[in-house]
Amino acid sequence: MTASAAEGTSALFTSVGVALDGLLMRAMAMVVDASLAPTPEQAALIRATAAPYLSEDLQRNPRRFFDFLEKMPDRMPVPISERLRRTVSGGVIVSRQFLSNYQRYFETEAEALAWLRNQ
């Protein structure tokens, strides 16, 4: 076999290998998609299940729907303040701030780094 024939054979095997690789990757993607992605019926059921929690009333005043929170003051979440609300195509962007009485152990980053170096 000549050098040019060997190169041609190698190129043929490479082309066949690339084609088989592409077919197998596509087949694996289809298997993963079929096994993990919900069917249209399941997707509709998921949306219907989530619908009560997406209502405007619940989003505006969640305490009205979770009155048990008032009965457990020791388990109350930290106060939350809404910092931003912006409507976008397909939904709303909301930014909230969770207030807490957390105090850092170290006052500065330098103190924290010095402590880490001594460990």
N, C-alpha and C. Protein backbone atom coordinates (compact mmCIF):
# COMPACT_ATOMS: atom_id res chain seq x y z
N MET A 1 0.86 -1.18 0.00
CA MET A 1 0.00 0.00 0.00
C MET A 1 0.89 1.23 0.00
N THR A 2 0.58 2.16 -0.84
CA THR A 2 1.38 3.38 -0.95
C THR A 2 0.97 4.37 0.12
N ALA A 3 1.79 5.38 0.31
CA ALA A 3 1.52 6.41 1.33
C ALA A 3 0.22 7.13 1.04
N SER A 4 -0.07 7.43 -0.24
CA SER A 4 -1.31 8.14 -0.57
C SER A 4 -2.52 7.24 -0.35
N ALA A 5 -2.39 5.93 -0.58
CA ALA A 5 -3.49 5.00 -0.33
C ALA A 5 -3.75 4.88 1.17
N ALA A 6 -2.66 4.86 1.96
CA ALA A 6 -2.81 4.79 3.41
C ALA A 6 -3.50 6.04 3.94
N GLU A 7 -3.13 7.19 3.41
CA GLU A 7 -3.77 8.43 3.83
C GLU A 7 -5.25 8.43 3.46
N GLY A 8 -5.56 7.92 2.29
CA GLY A 8 -6.96 7.84 1.86
C GLY A 8 -7.77 6.91 2.75
N THR A 9 -7.18 5.76 3.11
CA THR A 9 -7.85 4.82 4.01
C THR A 9 -8.05 5.46 5.38
N SER A 10 -7.03 6.15 5.87
CA SER A 10 -7.12 6.82 7.16
C SER A 10 -8.21 7.89 7.14
N ALA A 11 -8.27 8.64 6.06
CA ALA A 11 -9.31 9.67 5.94
C ALA A 11 -10.69 9.06 5.91
N LEU A 12 -10.83 7.91 5.23
CA LEU A 12 -12.12 7.22 5.18
C LEU A 12 -12.55 6.76 6.56
N PHE A 13 -11.60 6.13 7.30
CA PHE A 13 -11.92 5.67 8.65
C PHE A 13 -12.26 6.85 9.58
N THR A 14 -11.55 7.94 9.40
CA THR A 14 -11.84 9.14 10.21
C THR A 14 -13.25 9.65 9.91
N SER A 15 -13.60 9.69 8.63
CA SER A 15 -14.94 10.16 8.26
C SER A 15 -16.02 9.24 8.82
N VAL A 16 -15.80 7.93 8.72
CA VAL A 16 -16.77 6.97 9.27
C VAL A 16 -16.86 7.13 10.78
N GLY A 17 -15.71 7.29 11.44
CA GLY A 17 -15.69 7.47 12.90
C GLY A 17 -16.43 8.72 13.33
N VAL A 18 -16.22 9.81 12.63
CA VAL A 18 -16.90 11.08 12.94
C VAL A 18 -18.41 10.92 12.76
N ALA A 19 -18.81 10.26 11.70
CA ALA A 19 -20.24 10.05 11.45
C ALA A 19 -20.87 9.19 12.54
N LEU A 20 -20.20 8.09 12.92
CA LEU A 20 -20.71 7.22 13.98
C LEU A 20 -20.76 7.95 15.32
N ASP A 21 -19.74 8.74 15.59
CA ASP A 21 -19.70 9.52 16.83
C ASP A 21 -20.89 10.49 16.89
N GLY A 22 -21.15 11.16 15.78
CA GLY A 22 -22.29 12.09 15.73
C GLY A 22 -23.61 11.38 15.94
N LEU A 23 -23.76 10.20 15.32
CA LEU A 23 -25.00 9.43 15.49
C LEU A 23 -25.18 8.97 16.93
N LEU A 24 -24.10 8.48 17.55
CA LEU A 24 -24.20 8.02 18.93
C LEU A 24 -24.48 9.17 19.89
N MET A 25 -23.86 10.31 19.67
CA MET A 25 -24.11 11.47 20.54
C MET A 25 -25.56 11.92 20.43
N ARG A 26 -26.08 11.94 19.21
CA ARG A 26 -27.49 12.32 19.02
C ARG A 26 -28.41 11.30 19.67
N ALA A 27 -28.09 10.02 19.55
CA ALA A 27 -28.91 8.98 20.17
C ALA A 27 -28.89 9.12 21.69
N MET A 28 -27.73 9.39 22.26
CA MET A 28 -27.66 9.56 23.72
C MET A 28 -28.45 10.79 24.16
N ALA A 29 -28.38 11.86 23.39
CA ALA A 29 -29.14 13.06 23.72
C ALA A 29 -30.63 12.77 23.71
N MET A 30 -31.08 11.98 22.74
CA MET A 30 -32.50 11.63 22.67
C MET A 30 -32.91 10.75 23.84
N VAL A 31 -32.06 9.83 24.26
CA VAL A 31 -32.36 8.96 25.41
C VAL A 31 -32.46 9.80 26.68
N VAL A 32 -31.49 10.69 26.89
CA VAL A 32 -31.51 11.54 28.08
C VAL A 32 -32.74 12.43 28.07
N ASP A 33 -33.04 13.02 26.93
CA ASP A 33 -34.21 13.89 26.82
C ASP A 33 -35.49 13.11 27.11
N ALA A 34 -35.61 11.92 26.55
CA ALA A 34 -36.82 11.11 26.74
C ALA A 34 -36.96 10.65 28.19
N SER A 35 -35.85 10.42 28.87
CA SER A 35 -35.94 9.92 30.24
C SER A 35 -36.07 11.01 31.29
N LEU A 36 -35.57 12.22 31.00
CA LEU A 36 -35.59 13.28 32.00
C LEU A 36 -36.63 14.36 31.76
N ALA A 37 -36.87 14.69 30.53
CA ALA A 37 -37.81 15.77 30.23
C ALA A 37 -39.24 15.30 30.45
N PRO A 38 -40.07 16.14 31.07
CA PRO A 38 -41.46 15.74 31.25
C PRO A 38 -42.21 15.70 29.92
N THR A 39 -43.18 14.84 29.86
CA THR A 39 -44.04 14.80 28.68
C THR A 39 -44.91 16.05 28.68
N PRO A 40 -45.54 16.39 27.56
CA PRO A 40 -46.42 17.56 27.57
C PRO A 40 -47.52 17.47 28.64
N GLU A 41 -48.04 16.26 28.87
CA GLU A 41 -49.07 16.08 29.89
C GLU A 41 -48.49 16.34 31.28
N GLN A 42 -47.28 15.82 31.54
CA GLN A 42 -46.65 16.05 32.83
C GLN A 42 -46.31 17.52 33.03
N ALA A 43 -45.86 18.18 31.97
CA ALA A 43 -45.54 19.61 32.06
C ALA A 43 -46.78 20.42 32.40
N ALA A 44 -47.92 20.06 31.79
CA ALA A 44 -49.17 20.76 32.10
C ALA A 44 -49.56 20.53 33.55
N LEU A 45 -49.37 19.31 34.05
CA LEU A 45 -49.69 19.00 35.44
C LEU A 45 -48.77 19.77 36.39
N ILE A 46 -47.50 19.87 36.05
CA ILE A 46 -46.56 20.63 36.87
C ILE A 46 -46.98 22.09 36.94
N ARG A 47 -47.34 22.66 35.79
CA ARG A 47 -47.79 24.07 35.77
C ARG A 47 -49.06 24.26 36.60
N ALA A 48 -50.00 23.32 36.48
CA ALA A 48 -51.26 23.42 37.24
C ALA A 48 -50.99 23.32 38.74
N THR A 49 -50.04 22.47 39.12
CA THR A 49 -49.70 22.31 40.53
C THR A 49 -49.06 23.58 41.10
N ALA A 50 -48.27 24.26 40.30
CA ALA A 50 -47.59 25.47 40.76
C ALA A 50 -48.47 26.71 40.72
N ALA A 51 -49.56 26.67 39.98
CA ALA A 51 -50.40 27.85 39.77
C ALA A 51 -50.85 28.54 41.06
N PRO A 52 -51.30 27.81 42.10
CA PRO A 52 -51.73 28.51 43.31
C PRO A 52 -50.64 29.34 43.98
N TYR A 53 -49.39 28.95 43.77
CA TYR A 53 -48.29 29.66 44.41
C TYR A 53 -47.77 30.82 43.56
N LEU A 54 -48.35 31.01 42.41
CA LEU A 54 -47.93 32.09 41.52
C LEU A 54 -48.96 33.20 41.43
N SER A 55 -49.99 33.13 42.26
CA SER A 55 -51.06 34.13 42.19
C SER A 55 -50.54 35.50 42.65
N GLU A 56 -51.14 36.53 42.11
CA GLU A 56 -50.76 37.91 42.47
C GLU A 56 -50.99 38.17 43.96
N ASP A 57 -52.12 37.66 44.51
CA ASP A 57 -52.42 37.87 45.93
C ASP A 57 -51.33 37.29 46.82
N LEU A 58 -50.91 36.08 46.51
CA LEU A 58 -49.88 35.44 47.31
C LEU A 58 -48.56 36.18 47.21
N GLN A 59 -48.22 36.65 46.05
CA GLN A 59 -46.96 37.36 45.88
C GLN A 59 -46.97 38.71 46.59
N ARG A 60 -48.11 39.37 46.62
CA ARG A 60 -48.20 40.69 47.27
C ARG A 60 -48.25 40.57 48.79
N ASN A 61 -48.95 39.56 49.31
CA ASN A 61 -49.15 39.44 50.74
C ASN A 61 -49.06 37.98 51.18
N PRO A 62 -47.87 37.42 51.26
CA PRO A 62 -47.75 36.00 51.60
C PRO A 62 -48.23 35.66 53.00
N ARG A 63 -48.12 36.59 53.94
CA ARG A 63 -48.55 36.29 55.31
C ARG A 63 -50.04 35.98 55.40
N ARG A 64 -50.81 36.51 54.50
CA ARG A 64 -52.25 36.23 54.50
C ARG A 64 -52.51 34.73 54.29
N PHE A 65 -51.66 34.08 53.55
CA PHE A 65 -51.83 32.67 53.24
C PHE A 65 -51.09 31.76 54.21
N PHE A 66 -50.15 32.32 54.96
CA PHE A 66 -49.37 31.53 55.90
C PHE A 66 -49.51 32.12 57.30
N ASP A 67 -50.73 32.16 57.81
CA ASP A 67 -50.98 32.78 59.10
C ASP A 67 -50.33 32.02 60.25
N PHE A 68 -49.94 30.77 60.05
CA PHE A 68 -49.29 30.01 61.10
C PHE A 68 -47.95 30.61 61.48
N LEU A 69 -47.37 31.44 60.63
CA LEU A 69 -46.10 32.07 60.94
C LEU A 69 -46.20 32.98 62.15
N GLU A 70 -47.35 33.61 62.33
CA GLU A 70 -47.54 34.50 63.47
C GLU A 70 -47.57 33.73 64.78
N LYS A 71 -47.90 32.46 64.73
CA LYS A 71 -48.01 31.63 65.94
C LYS A 71 -46.67 31.07 66.37
N MET A 72 -45.63 31.23 65.55
CA MET A 72 -44.31 30.69 65.86
C MET A 72 -43.26 31.79 65.75
N PRO A 73 -43.26 32.75 66.67
CA PRO A 73 -42.32 33.87 66.53
C PRO A 73 -40.86 33.44 66.59
N ASP A 74 -40.55 32.34 67.28
CA ASP A 74 -39.15 31.91 67.35
C ASP A 74 -38.67 31.31 66.03
N ARG A 75 -39.60 30.97 65.16
CA ARG A 75 -39.24 30.40 63.87
C ARG A 75 -39.50 31.37 62.72
N MET A 76 -39.77 32.60 63.06
CA MET A 76 -40.06 33.59 62.03
C MET A 76 -38.83 33.82 61.18
N PRO A 77 -39.02 33.95 59.90
CA PRO A 77 -37.88 34.29 59.05
C PRO A 77 -37.44 35.72 59.30
N VAL A 78 -36.23 36.02 58.92
CA VAL A 78 -35.73 37.38 59.10
C VAL A 78 -36.56 38.33 58.24
N PRO A 79 -36.62 39.59 58.62
CA PRO A 79 -37.38 40.55 57.81
C PRO A 79 -36.80 40.64 56.39
N ILE A 80 -37.69 40.78 55.46
CA ILE A 80 -37.29 40.87 54.06
C ILE A 80 -37.81 42.18 53.50
N SER A 81 -36.96 42.90 52.82
CA SER A 81 -37.43 44.12 52.17
C SER A 81 -37.23 43.96 50.67
N GLU A 82 -38.20 44.42 49.94
CA GLU A 82 -38.12 44.35 48.49
C GLU A 82 -37.34 45.56 47.99
N ARG A 83 -36.29 45.30 47.22
CA ARG A 83 -35.44 46.38 46.75
C ARG A 83 -35.75 46.79 45.33
N LEU A 84 -36.23 45.84 44.53
CA LEU A 84 -36.46 46.13 43.13
C LEU A 84 -37.55 45.21 42.60
N ARG A 85 -38.40 45.75 41.77
CA ARG A 85 -39.40 44.94 41.07
C ARG A 85 -39.51 45.52 39.67
N ARG A 86 -39.23 44.67 38.68
CA ARG A 86 -39.26 45.13 37.30
C ARG A 86 -39.94 44.07 36.44
N THR A 87 -40.90 44.49 35.65
CA THR A 87 -41.59 43.58 34.75
C THR A 87 -40.76 43.40 33.50
N VAL A 88 -40.60 42.14 33.11
CA VAL A 88 -39.90 41.80 31.88
C VAL A 88 -40.78 40.88 31.06
N SER A 89 -40.42 40.68 29.84
CA SER A 89 -41.19 39.79 28.98
C SER A 89 -41.22 38.40 29.59
N GLY A 90 -42.40 37.92 29.92
CA GLY A 90 -42.55 36.58 30.47
C GLY A 90 -42.46 36.50 31.97
N GLY A 91 -42.38 37.61 32.69
CA GLY A 91 -42.33 37.51 34.14
C GLY A 91 -41.95 38.80 34.82
N VAL A 92 -41.44 38.65 36.04
CA VAL A 92 -41.08 39.79 36.87
C VAL A 92 -39.73 39.49 37.51
N ILE A 93 -38.87 40.49 37.55
CA ILE A 93 -37.61 40.37 38.27
C ILE A 93 -37.81 41.03 39.62
N VAL A 94 -37.50 40.29 40.69
CA VAL A 94 -37.65 40.82 42.04
C VAL A 94 -36.33 40.67 42.76
N SER A 95 -35.88 41.72 43.40
CA SER A 95 -34.67 41.69 44.21
C SER A 95 -35.10 41.98 45.64
N ARG A 96 -34.69 41.12 46.56
CA ARG A 96 -35.06 41.30 47.97
C ARG A 96 -33.81 41.33 48.83
N GLN A 97 -33.93 41.96 49.98
CA GLN A 97 -32.83 42.02 50.93
C GLN A 97 -33.29 41.32 52.21
N PHE A 98 -32.50 40.35 52.66
CA PHE A 98 -32.79 39.65 53.89
C PHE A 98 -31.97 40.29 55.00
N LEU A 99 -32.65 40.89 55.95
CA LEU A 99 -31.97 41.57 57.05
C LEU A 99 -31.72 40.56 58.17
N SER A 100 -30.56 40.67 58.82
CA SER A 100 -30.29 39.78 59.94
C SER A 100 -29.38 40.50 60.93
N ASN A 101 -29.24 39.88 62.09
CA ASN A 101 -28.37 40.46 63.10
C ASN A 101 -27.00 39.76 63.11
N TYR A 102 -26.66 39.12 62.00
CA TYR A 102 -25.38 38.44 61.87
C TYR A 102 -24.24 39.43 62.02
N GLN A 103 -23.24 39.04 62.81
CA GLN A 103 -22.04 39.86 62.96
C GLN A 103 -20.84 39.01 62.58
N ARG A 104 -20.00 39.55 61.75
CA ARG A 104 -18.81 38.83 61.34
C ARG A 104 -17.89 38.61 62.52
N TYR A 105 -17.23 37.47 62.51
CA TYR A 105 -16.27 37.17 63.57
C TYR A 105 -15.07 38.10 63.47
N PHE A 106 -14.65 38.37 62.24
CA PHE A 106 -13.53 39.27 62.00
C PHE A 106 -14.08 40.60 61.49
N GLU A 107 -13.51 41.68 61.99
CA GLU A 107 -13.97 43.00 61.57
C GLU A 107 -13.52 43.35 60.16
N THR A 108 -12.34 42.88 59.77
CA THR A 108 -11.81 43.22 58.45
C THR A 108 -11.37 41.96 57.72
N GLU A 109 -11.22 42.09 56.42
CA GLU A 109 -10.71 40.98 55.61
C GLU A 109 -9.27 40.65 56.01
N ALA A 110 -8.50 41.67 56.39
CA ALA A 110 -7.10 41.45 56.78
C ALA A 110 -7.03 40.55 58.01
N GLU A 111 -7.92 40.76 58.98
CA GLU A 111 -7.95 39.90 60.17
C GLU A 111 -8.28 38.46 59.80
N ALA A 112 -9.22 38.30 58.89
CA ALA A 112 -9.60 36.95 58.46
C ALA A 112 -8.44 36.27 57.75
N LEU A 113 -7.74 37.00 56.88
CA LEU A 113 -6.60 36.41 56.17
C LEU A 113 -5.46 36.08 57.13
N ALA A 114 -5.23 36.93 58.11
CA ALA A 114 -4.17 36.65 59.10
C ALA A 114 -4.51 35.39 59.88
N TRP A 115 -5.76 35.22 60.24
CA TRP A 115 -6.18 34.03 60.96
C TRP A 115 -5.98 32.78 60.10
N LEU A 116 -6.34 32.87 58.82
CA LEU A 116 -6.17 31.72 57.93
C LEU A 116 -4.70 31.34 57.77
N ARG A 117 -3.83 32.34 57.69
CA ARG A 117 -2.41 32.05 57.53
C ARG A 117 -1.84 31.32 58.74
N ASN A 118 -2.40 31.57 59.90
CA ASN A 118 -1.89 30.97 61.14
C ASN A 118 -2.47 29.58 61.41
N GLN A 119 -3.32 29.11 60.57
CA GLN A 119 -3.92 27.80 60.78
C GLN A 119 -3.03 26.70 60.31
